[in-house]
Protein backbone atom coordinates (compact mmCIF):
# COMPACT_ATOMS: atom_id res chain seq x y z
CA UNK A 1 50.47 62.76 93.72
CA UNK A 2 52.25 64.05 96.91
CA UNK A 3 50.82 61.14 98.98
CA UNK A 4 51.71 58.62 96.37
CA UNK A 5 55.36 60.01 96.23
CA UNK A 6 55.60 59.91 100.00
CA UNK A 7 54.14 56.33 100.19
CA UNK A 8 56.60 55.10 97.63
CA UNK A 9 59.42 56.84 99.32
CA UNK A 10 58.68 54.92 102.57
CA UNK A 11 58.54 51.66 100.77
CA UNK A 12 61.57 51.81 98.31
CA UNK A 13 63.97 48.86 98.21
CA UNK A 14 64.84 48.91 94.57
CA UNK A 15 61.47 47.29 94.39
CA UNK A 16 58.23 48.59 96.06
CA UNK A 17 56.80 46.49 98.92
CA UNK A 18 53.42 47.21 100.50
CA UNK A 19 50.18 47.67 98.87
CA UNK A 20 51.28 49.00 95.47
CA UNK A 21 48.37 47.96 93.26
CA UNK A 22 46.46 49.73 90.56
CA UNK A 23 43.66 50.28 93.11
CA UNK A 24 45.85 51.71 95.71
CA UNK A 25 47.59 54.00 93.16
CA UNK A 26 44.18 55.28 91.85
CA UNK A 27 43.02 55.94 95.45
CA UNK A 28 46.16 58.03 96.00
CA UNK A 29 45.71 59.94 92.84
CA UNK A 30 41.98 60.57 93.40
CA UNK A 31 42.72 62.31 96.66
CA UNK A 32 44.81 64.89 94.86
CA UNK A 33 42.92 65.52 91.71
CA UNK A 34 45.12 67.72 89.60
CA UNK A 35 46.49 67.63 86.14
CA UNK A 36 49.61 65.63 87.05
CA UNK A 37 47.63 63.08 88.88
CA UNK A 38 45.28 62.71 85.84
CA UNK A 39 48.25 62.37 83.43
CA UNK A 40 49.74 59.64 85.50
CA UNK A 41 46.40 57.73 85.85
CA UNK A 42 46.06 58.07 82.06
CA UNK A 43 49.52 56.72 81.50
CA UNK A 44 48.74 53.80 83.82
CA UNK A 45 45.61 53.08 81.79
CA UNK A 46 47.52 53.22 78.51
CA UNK A 47 50.16 50.82 79.97
CA UNK A 48 47.48 48.45 81.22
CA UNK A 49 48.81 48.49 84.85
CA UNK A 50 51.58 49.79 87.09
CA UNK A 51 54.29 47.22 86.39
CA UNK A 52 56.12 49.50 83.79
CA UNK A 53 55.77 52.42 86.11
CA UNK A 54 57.34 50.79 89.16
CA UNK A 55 60.20 49.28 86.98
CA UNK A 56 60.87 52.60 85.44
CA UNK A 57 60.67 54.50 88.77
CA UNK A 58 63.08 52.07 90.41
CA UNK A 59 65.53 52.39 87.62
CA UNK A 60 65.31 56.13 87.63
CA UNK A 61 65.77 56.34 91.34
CA UNK A 62 69.06 54.47 91.39
CA UNK A 63 70.54 57.64 89.84
CA UNK A 64 69.34 59.60 92.93
CA UNK A 65 70.83 57.34 95.58
CA UNK A 66 74.12 59.36 95.84
CA UNK A 67 72.21 62.61 96.25
CA UNK A 68 69.22 61.36 98.08
CA UNK A 69 65.75 60.08 97.40
CA UNK A 70 63.02 62.34 98.72
CA UNK A 71 59.31 62.50 97.96
CA UNK A 72 60.00 65.44 95.72
CA UNK A 73 62.48 63.46 93.70
CA UNK A 74 59.88 60.60 93.35
CA UNK A 75 57.22 63.15 92.38
CA UNK A 76 59.45 64.54 89.58
CA UNK A 77 60.10 61.02 88.29
CA UNK A 78 56.30 60.25 88.37
CA UNK A 79 55.62 63.33 86.38
CA UNK A 80 58.25 62.53 83.88
CA UNK A 81 56.91 58.93 83.47
CA UNK A 82 53.29 60.37 82.94
CA UNK A 83 54.67 62.71 80.14
CA UNK A 84 56.51 59.93 78.45
């Protein structure tokens, strides 16, 4: 989860550029096998892809532009998304 949050932080432009695919997200989440990573992967499976995740995350992050977007902020939004 931490690596994924850092990767997305480095590639945020209100859209995510780079290799953000279901396969790359799975690879990030597998490297940190914990409850949060598994919950996010389950949500991605239920949503049948990462499109909804990326759209939701980009929308949520706009609220953080004034205060700053960090890997920790992205991580919090990823956890919230997985729990939704």
